[in-house]
Amino acid sequence: MPDPCALCSDAGGVSVWRDDALRVVRIDDSDYPGFLRVIWNAHVREMSDLVPAERAHLFDVVLDVERVLRELVRPDKINLASLGNMTPHLHWHVIP
């Protein structure tokens, strides 16, 4: 039996915002203040597993999170990443 998915069995951080499709959580990491993660609620591995409207919604939220962080934190740069090498569950890192 495969290991349970950490992002299916756990919130993945402190909840900041949520809708039926996804959630935004704050990651408690002193090295990266303001680090947020956008997590698709259902277990999906890849962006291409979503239908076009779902992909658009996910990316719109990622960009909204980026905009808010730019206003609040005023970093030199925002890093966006969708890796999945540690947890194969669709999520985006938004890191100032």
PDB file of N, CA and C in Angstrom:
ATOM      1  N   MET A   1       0.843  -1.182   0.000  1.00  0.00           N
ATOM      2  CA  MET A   1       0.000   0.000   0.000  1.00  0.00           C
ATOM      3  C   MET A   1       0.889   1.246   0.000  1.00  0.00           C
ATOM      4  N   PRO A   2       0.603   2.237  -0.871  1.00  0.00           N
ATOM      5  CA  PRO A   2       1.434   3.438  -0.917  1.00  0.00           C
ATOM      6  C   PRO A   2       1.295   4.257   0.366  1.00  0.00           C
ATOM      7  N   ASP A   3       2.344   5.050   0.639  1.00  0.00           N
ATOM      8  CA  ASP A   3       2.288   5.944   1.793  1.00  0.00           C
ATOM      9  C   ASP A   3       1.179   6.965   1.585  1.00  0.00           C
ATOM     10  N   PRO A   4       0.501   7.357   2.672  1.00  0.00           N
ATOM     11  CA  PRO A   4      -0.536   8.388   2.516  1.00  0.00           C
ATOM     12  C   PRO A   4       0.087   9.722   2.107  1.00  0.00           C
ATOM     13  N   CYS A   5      -0.641  10.483   1.353  1.00  0.00           N
ATOM     14  CA  CYS A   5      -0.169  11.786   0.883  1.00  0.00           C
ATOM     15  C   CYS A   5      -0.231  12.788   2.033  1.00  0.00           C
ATOM     16  N   ALA A   6       0.882  13.439   2.302  1.00  0.00           N
ATOM     17  CA  ALA A   6       0.949  14.416   3.399  1.00  0.00           C
ATOM     18  C   ALA A   6      -0.003  15.585   3.176  1.00  0.00           C
ATOM     19  N   LEU A   7      -0.214  15.999   1.937  1.00  0.00           N
ATOM     20  CA  LEU A   7      -1.088  17.140   1.680  1.00  0.00           C
ATOM     21  C   LEU A   7      -2.559  16.752   1.590  1.00  0.00           C
ATOM     22  N   CYS A   8      -2.848  15.441   1.546  1.00  0.00           N
ATOM     23  CA  CYS A   8      -4.231  14.975   1.641  1.00  0.00           C
ATOM     24  C   CYS A   8      -4.624  14.769   3.103  1.00  0.00           C
ATOM     25  N   SER A   9      -3.665  14.327   3.915  1.00  0.00           N
ATOM     26  CA  SER A   9      -3.965  13.977   5.302  1.00  0.00           C
ATOM     27  C   SER A   9      -3.710  15.118   6.282  1.00  0.00           C
ATOM     28  N   ASP A  10      -3.110  16.210   5.834  1.00  0.00           N
ATOM     29  CA  ASP A  10      -2.755  17.325   6.709  1.00  0.00           C
ATOM     30  C   ASP A  10      -3.040  18.626   5.970  1.00  0.00           C
ATOM     31  N   ALA A  11      -3.352  19.683   6.703  1.00  0.00           N
ATOM     32  CA  ALA A  11      -3.645  20.979   6.074  1.00  0.00           C
ATOM     33  C   ALA A  11      -2.455  21.515   5.290  1.00  0.00           C
ATOM     34  N   GLY A  12      -1.244  21.150   5.709  1.00  0.00           N
ATOM     35  CA  GLY A  12      -0.051  21.608   5.007  1.00  0.00           C
ATOM     36  C   GLY A  12       0.478  22.941   5.483  1.00  0.00           C
ATOM     37  N   GLY A  13      -0.099  23.486   6.541  1.00  0.00           N
ATOM     38  CA  GLY A  13       0.314  24.774   7.090  1.00  0.00           C
ATOM     39  C   GLY A  13      -0.872  25.449   7.746  1.00  0.00           C
ATOM     40  N   VAL A  14      -0.693  26.686   8.154  1.00  0.00           N
ATOM     41  CA  VAL A  14      -1.761  27.457   8.793  1.00  0.00           C
ATOM     42  C   VAL A  14      -2.661  28.038   7.705  1.00  0.00           C
ATOM     43  N   SER A  15      -3.944  27.710   7.761  1.00  0.00           N
ATOM     44  CA  SER A  15      -4.878  28.139   6.726  1.00  0.00           C
ATOM     45  C   SER A  15      -5.015  29.662   6.682  1.00  0.00           C
ATOM     46  N   VAL A  16      -4.890  30.215   5.475  1.00  0.00           N
ATOM     47  CA  VAL A  16      -5.038  31.649   5.241  1.00  0.00           C
ATOM     48  C   VAL A  16      -6.314  31.918   4.452  1.00  0.00           C
ATOM     49  N   TRP A  17      -6.614  31.039   3.497  1.00  0.00           N
ATOM     50  CA  TRP A  17      -7.784  31.194   2.623  1.00  0.00           C
ATOM     51  C   TRP A  17      -8.098  29.838   2.016  1.00  0.00           C
ATOM     52  N   ARG A  18      -9.379  29.615   1.710  1.00  0.00           N
ATOM     53  CA  ARG A  18      -9.781  28.322   1.155  1.00  0.00           C
ATOM     54  C   ARG A  18     -11.049  28.499   0.328  1.00  0.00           C
ATOM     55  N   ASP A  19     -11.161  27.704  -0.728  1.00  0.00           N
ATOM     56  CA  ASP A  19     -12.433  27.559  -1.428  1.00  0.00           C
ATOM     57  C   ASP A  19     -12.634  26.070  -1.682  1.00  0.00           C
ATOM     58  N   ASP A  20     -13.623  25.712  -2.495  1.00  0.00           N
ATOM     59  CA  ASP A  20     -13.913  24.292  -2.720  1.00  0.00           C
ATOM     60  C   ASP A  20     -12.785  23.563  -3.439  1.00  0.00           C
ATOM     61  N   ALA A  21     -11.988  24.272  -4.217  1.00  0.00           N
ATOM     62  CA  ALA A  21     -10.968  23.634  -5.049  1.00  0.00           C
ATOM     63  C   ALA A  21      -9.578  23.629  -4.431  1.00  0.00           C
ATOM     64  N   LEU A  22      -9.244  24.665  -3.668  1.00  0.00           N
ATOM     65  CA  LEU A  22      -7.863  24.790  -3.193  1.00  0.00           C
ATOM     66  C   LEU A  22      -7.801  25.566  -1.895  1.00  0.00           C
ATOM     67  N   ARG A  23      -6.599  25.591  -1.334  1.00  0.00           N
ATOM     68  CA  ARG A  23      -6.376  26.332  -0.097  1.00  0.00           C
ATOM     69  C   ARG A  23      -5.025  27.031  -0.160  1.00  0.00           C
ATOM     70  N   VAL A  24      -4.921  28.110   0.590  1.00  0.00           N
ATOM     71  CA  VAL A  24      -3.665  28.845   0.736  1.00  0.00           C
ATOM     72  C   VAL A  24      -3.267  28.716   2.195  1.00  0.00           C
ATOM     73  N   VAL A  25      -2.027  28.279   2.427  1.00  0.00           N
ATOM     74  CA  VAL A  25      -1.550  28.087   3.794  1.00  0.00           C
ATOM     75  C   VAL A  25      -0.235  28.827   3.997  1.00  0.00           C
ATOM     76  N   ARG A  26      -0.025  29.261   5.240  1.00  0.00           N
ATOM     77  CA  ARG A  26       1.224  29.914   5.622  1.00  0.00           C
ATOM     78  C   ARG A  26       2.170  28.854   6.156  1.00  0.00           C
ATOM     79  N   ILE A  27       3.399  28.901   5.686  1.00  0.00           N
ATOM     80  CA  ILE A  27       4.427  27.966   6.123  1.00  0.00           C
ATOM     81  C   ILE A  27       5.275  28.660   7.183  1.00  0.00           C
ATOM     82  N   ASP A  28       5.402  28.024   8.329  1.00  0.00           N
ATOM     83  CA  ASP A  28       6.184  28.593   9.431  1.00  0.00           C
ATOM     84  C   ASP A  28       7.655  28.247   9.221  1.00  0.00           C
ATOM     85  N   ASP A  29       8.371  29.156   8.568  1.00  0.00           N
ATOM     86  CA  ASP A  29       9.786  28.943   8.279  1.00  0.00           C
ATOM     87  C   ASP A  29      10.510  30.271   8.479  1.00  0.00           C
ATOM     88  N   SER A  30      11.304  30.361   9.534  1.00  0.00           N
ATOM     89  CA  SER A  30      11.973  31.628   9.856  1.00  0.00           C
ATOM     90  C   SER A  30      12.952  32.069   8.763  1.00  0.00           C
ATOM     91  N   ASP A  31      13.412  31.140   7.950  1.00  0.00           N
ATOM     92  CA  ASP A  31      14.301  31.504   6.839  1.00  0.00           C
ATOM     93  C   ASP A  31      13.548  32.165   5.687  1.00  0.00           C
ATOM     94  N   TYR A  32      12.236  31.924   5.615  1.00  0.00           N
ATOM     95  CA  TYR A  32      11.418  32.449   4.519  1.00  0.00           C
ATOM     96  C   TYR A  32      10.140  33.075   5.069  1.00  0.00           C
ATOM     97  N   PRO A  33      10.236  34.237   5.721  1.00  0.00           N
ATOM     98  CA  PRO A  33       9.021  34.881   6.232  1.00  0.00           C
ATOM     99  C   PRO A  33       8.092  35.245   5.077  1.00  0.00           C
ATOM    100  N   GLY A  34       6.818  34.981   5.267  1.00  0.00           N
ATOM    101  CA  GLY A  34       5.837  35.256   4.223  1.00  0.00           C
ATOM    102  C   GLY A  34       5.619  34.107   3.260  1.00  0.00           C
ATOM    103  N   PHE A  35       6.300  32.982   3.460  1.00  0.00           N
ATOM    104  CA  PHE A  35       6.186  31.810   2.586  1.00  0.00           C
ATOM    105  C   PHE A  35       4.751  31.282   2.645  1.00  0.00           C
ATOM    106  N   LEU A  36       4.107  31.255   1.483  1.00  0.00           N
ATOM    107  CA  LEU A  36       2.757  30.702   1.362  1.00  0.00           C
ATOM    108  C   LEU A  36       2.775  29.558   0.361  1.00  0.00           C
ATOM    109  N   ARG A  37       1.843  28.648   0.542  1.00  0.00           N
ATOM    110  CA  ARG A  37       1.712  27.517  -0.370  1.00  0.00           C
ATOM    111  C   ARG A  37       0.254  27.466  -0.829  1.00  0.00           C
ATOM    112  N   VAL A  38       0.042  27.293  -2.120  1.00  0.00           N
ATOM    113  CA  VAL A  38      -1.291  27.133  -2.703  1.00  0.00           C
ATOM    114  C   VAL A  38      -1.433  25.656  -3.035  1.00  0.00           C
ATOM    115  N   ILE A  39      -2.416  24.991  -2.409  1.00  0.00           N
ATOM    116  CA  ILE A  39      -2.545  23.535  -2.496  1.00  0.00           C
ATOM    117  C   ILE A  39      -3.900  23.172  -3.091  1.00  0.00           C
ATOM    118  N   TRP A  40      -3.885  22.356  -4.135  1.00  0.00           N
ATOM    119  CA  TRP A  40      -5.122  21.828  -4.703  1.00  0.00           C
ATOM    120  C   TRP A  40      -5.695  20.846  -3.683  1.00  0.00           C
ATOM    121  N   ASN A  41      -6.997  20.949  -3.368  1.00  0.00           N
ATOM    122  CA  ASN A  41      -7.580  20.119  -2.307  1.00  0.00           C
ATOM    123  C   ASN A  41      -7.629  18.635  -2.660  1.00  0.00           C
ATOM    124  N   ALA A  42      -8.067  18.309  -3.860  1.00  0.00           N
ATOM    125  CA  ALA A  42      -8.143  16.900  -4.270  1.00  0.00           C
ATOM    126  C   ALA A  42      -6.744  16.398  -4.609  1.00  0.00           C
ATOM    127  N   HIS A  43      -6.540  15.101  -4.454  1.00  0.00           N
ATOM    128  CA  HIS A  43      -5.221  14.551  -4.775  1.00  0.00           C
ATOM    129  C   HIS A  43      -5.043  14.495  -6.290  1.00  0.00           C
ATOM    130  N   VAL A  44      -4.235  15.417  -6.771  1.00  0.00           N
ATOM    131  CA  VAL A  44      -3.884  15.524  -8.185  1.00  0.00           C
ATOM    132  C   VAL A  44      -2.374  15.687  -8.218  1.00  0.00           C
ATOM    133  N   ARG A  45      -1.725  15.032  -9.168  1.00  0.00           N
ATOM    134  CA  ARG A  45      -0.259  15.076  -9.220  1.00  0.00           C
ATOM    135  C   ARG A  45       0.290  16.182 -10.114  1.00  0.00           C
ATOM    136  N   GLU A  46      -0.392  16.467 -11.212  1.00  0.00           N
ATOM    137  CA  GLU A  46       0.166  17.381 -12.218  1.00  0.00           C
ATOM    138  C   GLU A  46      -0.856  18.426 -12.658  1.00  0.00           C
ATOM    139  N   MET A  47      -0.361  19.585 -13.103  1.00  0.00           N
ATOM    140  CA  MET A  47      -1.230  20.631 -13.651  1.00  0.00           C
ATOM    141  C   MET A  47      -2.048  20.093 -14.819  1.00  0.00           C
ATOM    142  N   SER A  48      -1.443  19.234 -15.621  1.00  0.00           N
ATOM    143  CA  SER A  48      -2.129  18.705 -16.803  1.00  0.00           C
ATOM    144  C   SER A  48      -3.251  17.736 -16.446  1.00  0.00           C
ATOM    145  N   ASP A  49      -3.359  17.342 -15.175  1.00  0.00           N
ATOM    146  CA  ASP A  49      -4.482  16.507 -14.735  1.00  0.00           C
ATOM    147  C   ASP A  49      -5.750  17.332 -14.530  1.00  0.00           C
ATOM    148  N   LEU A  50      -5.612  18.647 -14.468  1.00  0.00           N
ATOM    149  CA  LEU A  50      -6.762  19.528 -14.284  1.00  0.00           C
ATOM    150  C   LEU A  50      -7.354  19.904 -15.635  1.00  0.00           C
ATOM    151  N   VAL A  51      -8.653  20.186 -15.636  1.00  0.00           N
ATOM    152  CA  VAL A  51      -9.276  20.713 -16.856  1.00  0.00           C
ATOM    153  C   VAL A  51      -8.871  22.183 -16.978  1.00  0.00           C
ATOM    154  N   PRO A  52      -8.985  22.766 -18.169  1.00  0.00           N
ATOM    155  CA  PRO A  52      -8.519  24.144 -18.360  1.00  0.00           C
ATOM    156  C   PRO A  52      -9.077  25.157 -17.354  1.00  0.00           C
ATOM    157  N   ALA A  53     -10.345  25.072 -17.014  1.00  0.00           N
ATOM    158  CA  ALA A  53     -10.922  26.032 -16.059  1.00  0.00           C
ATOM    159  C   ALA A  53     -10.296  25.880 -14.675  1.00  0.00           C
ATOM    160  N   GLU A  54      -9.999  24.651 -14.277  1.00  0.00           N
ATOM    161  CA  GLU A  54      -9.347  24.423 -12.983  1.00  0.00           C
ATOM    162  C   GLU A  54      -7.925  24.967 -12.992  1.00  0.00           C
ATOM    163  N   ARG A  55      -7.208  24.733 -14.088  1.00  0.00           N
ATOM    164  CA  ARG A  55      -5.844  25.270 -14.209  1.00  0.00           C
ATOM    165  C   ARG A  55      -5.856  26.793 -14.114  1.00  0.00           C
ATOM    166  N   ALA A  56      -6.811  27.406 -14.805  1.00  0.00           N
ATOM    167  CA  ALA A  56      -6.908  28.870 -14.785  1.00  0.00           C
ATOM    168  C   ALA A  56      -7.201  29.372 -13.372  1.00  0.00           C
ATOM    169  N   HIS A  57      -8.116  28.698 -12.677  1.00  0.00           N
ATOM    170  CA  HIS A  57      -8.450  29.103 -11.307  1.00  0.00           C
ATOM    171  C   HIS A  57      -7.226  28.986 -10.402  1.00  0.00           C
ATOM    172  N   LEU A  58      -6.525  27.874 -10.481  1.00  0.00           N
ATOM    173  CA  LEU A  58      -5.337  27.668  -9.653  1.00  0.00           C
ATOM    174  C   LEU A  58      -4.295  28.751  -9.926  1.00  0.00           C
ATOM    175  N   PHE A  59      -4.018  28.995 -11.184  1.00  0.00           N
ATOM    176  CA  PHE A  59      -2.982  29.980 -11.504  1.00  0.00           C
ATOM    177  C   PHE A  59      -3.423  31.392 -11.139  1.00  0.00           C
ATOM    178  N   ASP A  60      -4.726  31.698 -11.285  1.00  0.00           N
ATOM    179  CA  ASP A  60      -5.227  33.005 -10.849  1.00  0.00           C
ATOM    180  C   ASP A  60      -4.987  33.202  -9.356  1.00  0.00           C
ATOM    181  N   VAL A  61      -5.233  32.160  -8.562  1.00  0.00           N
ATOM    182  CA  VAL A  61      -5.009  32.268  -7.114  1.00  0.00           C
ATOM    183  C   VAL A  61      -3.518  32.421  -6.817  1.00  0.00           C
ATOM    184  N   VAL A  62      -2.668  31.662  -7.500  1.00  0.00           N
ATOM    185  CA  VAL A  62      -1.217  31.803  -7.302  1.00  0.00           C
ATOM    186  C   VAL A  62      -0.802  33.256  -7.563  1.00  0.00           C
ATOM    187  N   LEU A  63      -1.288  33.842  -8.643  1.00  0.00           N
ATOM    188  CA  LEU A  63      -0.923  35.223  -8.967  1.00  0.00           C
ATOM    189  C   LEU A  63      -1.532  36.221  -7.988  1.00  0.00           C
ATOM    190  N   ASP A  64      -2.749  35.949  -7.496  1.00  0.00           N
ATOM    191  CA  ASP A  64      -3.343  36.811  -6.471  1.00  0.00           C
ATOM    192  C   ASP A  64      -2.508  36.785  -5.194  1.00  0.00           C
ATOM    193  N   VAL A  65      -2.059  35.595  -4.798  1.00  0.00           N
ATOM    194  CA  VAL A  65      -1.209  35.461  -3.614  1.00  0.00           C
ATOM    195  C   VAL A  65       0.092  36.236  -3.825  1.00  0.00           C
ATOM    196  N   GLU A  66       0.668  36.112  -5.006  1.00  0.00           N
ATOM    197  CA  GLU A  66       1.894  36.863  -5.310  1.00  0.00           C
ATOM    198  C   GLU A  66       1.665  38.361  -5.157  1.00  0.00           C
ATOM    199  N   ARG A  67       0.556  38.864  -5.718  1.00  0.00           N
ATOM    200  CA  ARG A  67       0.264  40.299  -5.645  1.00  0.00           C
ATOM    201  C   ARG A  67       0.135  40.774  -4.195  1.00  0.00           C
ATOM    202  N   VAL A  68      -0.591  40.005  -3.393  1.00  0.00           N
ATOM    203  CA  VAL A  68      -0.780  40.374  -1.985  1.00  0.00           C
ATOM    204  C   VAL A  68       0.559  40.397  -1.253  1.00  0.00           C
ATOM    205  N   LEU A  69       1.386  39.377  -1.469  1.00  0.00           N
ATOM    206  CA  LEU A  69       2.701  39.358  -0.821  1.00  0.00           C
ATOM    207  C   LEU A  69       3.558  40.541  -1.265  1.00  0.00           C
ATOM    208  N   ARG A  70       3.486  40.894  -2.532  1.00  0.00           N
ATOM    209  CA  ARG A  70       4.265  42.044  -3.013  1.00  0.00           C
ATOM    210  C   ARG A  70       3.838  43.317  -2.293  1.00  0.00           C
ATOM    211  N   GLU A  71       2.528  43.475  -2.072  1.00  0.00           N
ATOM    212  CA  GLU A  71       2.025  44.666  -1.385  1.00  0.00           C
ATOM    213  C   GLU A  71       2.397  44.664   0.095  1.00  0.00           C
ATOM    214  N   LEU A  72       2.250  43.519   0.753  1.00  0.00           N
ATOM    215  CA  LEU A  72       2.457  43.455   2.199  1.00  0.00           C
ATOM    216  C   LEU A  72       3.921  43.367   2.609  1.00  0.00           C
ATOM    217  N   VAL A  73       4.694  42.563   1.900  1.00  0.00           N
ATOM    218  CA  VAL A  73       6.070  42.278   2.304  1.00  0.00           C
ATOM    219  C   VAL A  73       7.078  43.160   1.562  1.00  0.00           C
ATOM    220  N   ARG A  74       6.720  43.586   0.360  1.00  0.00           N
ATOM    221  CA  ARG A  74       7.589  44.398  -0.499  1.00  0.00           C
ATOM    222  C   ARG A  74       8.979  43.775  -0.687  1.00  0.00           C
ATOM    223  N   PRO A  75       9.008  42.514  -1.121  1.00  0.00           N
ATOM    224  CA  PRO A  75      10.304  41.857  -1.323  1.00  0.00           C
ATOM    225  C   PRO A  75      10.961  42.330  -2.622  1.00  0.00           C
ATOM    226  N   ASP A  76      12.242  42.043  -2.748  1.00  0.00           N
ATOM    227  CA  ASP A  76      12.937  42.328  -4.005  1.00  0.00           C
ATOM    228  C   ASP A  76      12.414  41.447  -5.126  1.00  0.00           C
ATOM    229  N   LYS A  77      11.995  40.231  -4.772  1.00  0.00           N
ATOM    230  CA  LYS A  77      11.557  39.246  -5.765  1.00  0.00           C
ATOM    231  C   LYS A  77      10.636  38.241  -5.101  1.00  0.00           C
ATOM    232  N   ILE A  78       9.675  37.729  -5.858  1.00  0.00           N
ATOM    233  CA  ILE A  78       8.819  36.621  -5.419  1.00  0.00           C
ATOM    234  C   ILE A  78       9.218  35.399  -6.240  1.00  0.00           C
ATOM    235  N   ASN A  79       9.414  34.287  -5.573  1.00  0.00           N
ATOM    236  CA  ASN A  79       9.716  33.029  -6.258  1.00  0.00           C
ATOM    237  C   ASN A  79       8.462  32.169  -6.299  1.00  0.00           C
ATOM    238  N   LEU A  80       8.142  31.653  -7.481  1.00  0.00           N
ATOM    239  CA  LEU A  80       7.024  30.735  -7.676  1.00  0.00           C
ATOM    240  C   LEU A  80       7.593  29.397  -8.099  1.00  0.00           C
ATOM    241  N   ALA A  81       7.123  28.327  -7.455  1.00  0.00           N
ATOM    242  CA  ALA A  81       7.642  27.001  -7.809  1.00  0.00           C
ATOM    243  C   ALA A  81       6.577  25.943  -7.590  1.00  0.00           C
ATOM    244  N   SER A  82       6.490  25.019  -8.521  1.00  0.00           N
ATOM    245  CA  SER A  82       5.664  23.828  -8.372  1.00  0.00           C
ATOM    246  C   SER A  82       6.588  22.645  -8.588  1.00  0.00           C
ATOM    247  N   LEU A  83       7.019  22.039  -7.487  1.00  0.00           N
ATOM    248  CA  LEU A  83       8.037  20.996  -7.586  1.00  0.00           C
ATOM    249  C   LEU A  83       7.428  19.600  -7.514  1.00  0.00           C
ATOM    250  N   GLY A  84       6.971  19.193  -6.347  1.00  0.00           N
ATOM    251  CA  GLY A  84       6.367  17.875  -6.214  1.00  0.00           C
ATOM    252  C   GLY A  84       7.339  16.735  -6.046  1.00  0.00           C
ATOM    253  N   ASN A  85       8.629  17.025  -5.952  1.00  0.00           N
ATOM    254  CA  ASN A  85       9.600  15.942  -5.800  1.00  0.00           C
ATOM    255  C   ASN A  85       9.534  15.309  -4.413  1.00  0.00           C
ATOM    256  N   MET A  86       9.104  16.065  -3.410  1.00  0.00           N
ATOM    257  CA  MET A  86       8.976  15.525  -2.055  1.00  0.00           C
ATOM    258  C   MET A  86       7.557  15.027  -1.789  1.00  0.00           C
ATOM    259  N   THR A  87       6.571  15.745  -2.305  1.00  0.00           N
ATOM    260  CA  THR A  87       5.165  15.388  -2.116  1.00  0.00           C
ATOM    261  C   THR A  87       4.472  15.483  -3.465  1.00  0.00           C
ATOM    262  N   PRO A  88       4.137  14.345  -4.084  1.00  0.00           N
ATOM    263  CA  PRO A  88       3.523  14.374  -5.413  1.00  0.00           C
ATOM    264  C   PRO A  88       2.028  14.712  -5.355  1.00  0.00           C
ATOM    265  N   HIS A  89       1.739  15.902  -4.871  1.00  0.00           N
ATOM    266  CA  HIS A  89       0.379  16.437  -4.774  1.00  0.00           C
ATOM    267  C   HIS A  89       0.481  17.866  -5.290  1.00  0.00           C
ATOM    268  N   LEU A  90      -0.393  18.241  -6.195  1.00  0.00           N
ATOM    269  CA  LEU A  90      -0.299  19.536  -6.862  1.00  0.00           C
ATOM    270  C   LEU A  90      -0.346  20.689  -5.860  1.00  0.00           C
ATOM    271  N   HIS A  91       0.728  21.462  -5.835  1.00  0.00           N
ATOM    272  CA  HIS A  91       0.809  22.644  -4.981  1.00  0.00           C
ATOM    273  C   HIS A  91       1.863  23.592  -5.541  1.00  0.00           C
ATOM    274  N   TRP A  92       1.712  24.858  -5.204  1.00  0.00           N
ATOM    275  CA  TRP A  92       2.653  25.900  -5.621  1.00  0.00           C
ATOM    276  C   TRP A  92       3.233  26.568  -4.395  1.00  0.00           C
ATOM    277  N   HIS A  93       4.524  26.837  -4.427  1.00  0.00           N
ATOM    278  CA  HIS A  93       5.210  27.604  -3.398  1.00  0.00           C
ATOM    279  C   HIS A  93       5.260  29.053  -3.873  1.00  0.00           C
ATOM    280  N   VAL A  94       4.886  29.975  -2.995  1.00  0.00           N
ATOM    281  CA  VAL A  94       4.972  31.405  -3.293  1.00  0.00           C
ATOM    282  C   VAL A  94       5.834  31.995  -2.181  1.00  0.00           C
ATOM    283  N   ILE A  95       7.085  32.334  -2.536  1.00  0.00           N
ATOM    284  CA  ILE A  95       8.090  32.660  -1.524  1.00  0.00           C
ATOM    285  C   ILE A  95       8.708  34.030  -1.806  1.00  0.00           C
ATOM    286  N   PRO A  96       8.485  34.992  -0.886  1.00  0.00           N
ATOM    287  CA  PRO A  96       9.145  36.294  -1.068  1.00  0.00           C
ATOM    288  C   PRO A  96      10.618  36.215  -0.720  1.00  0.00           C
TER     289      PRO A  96
END
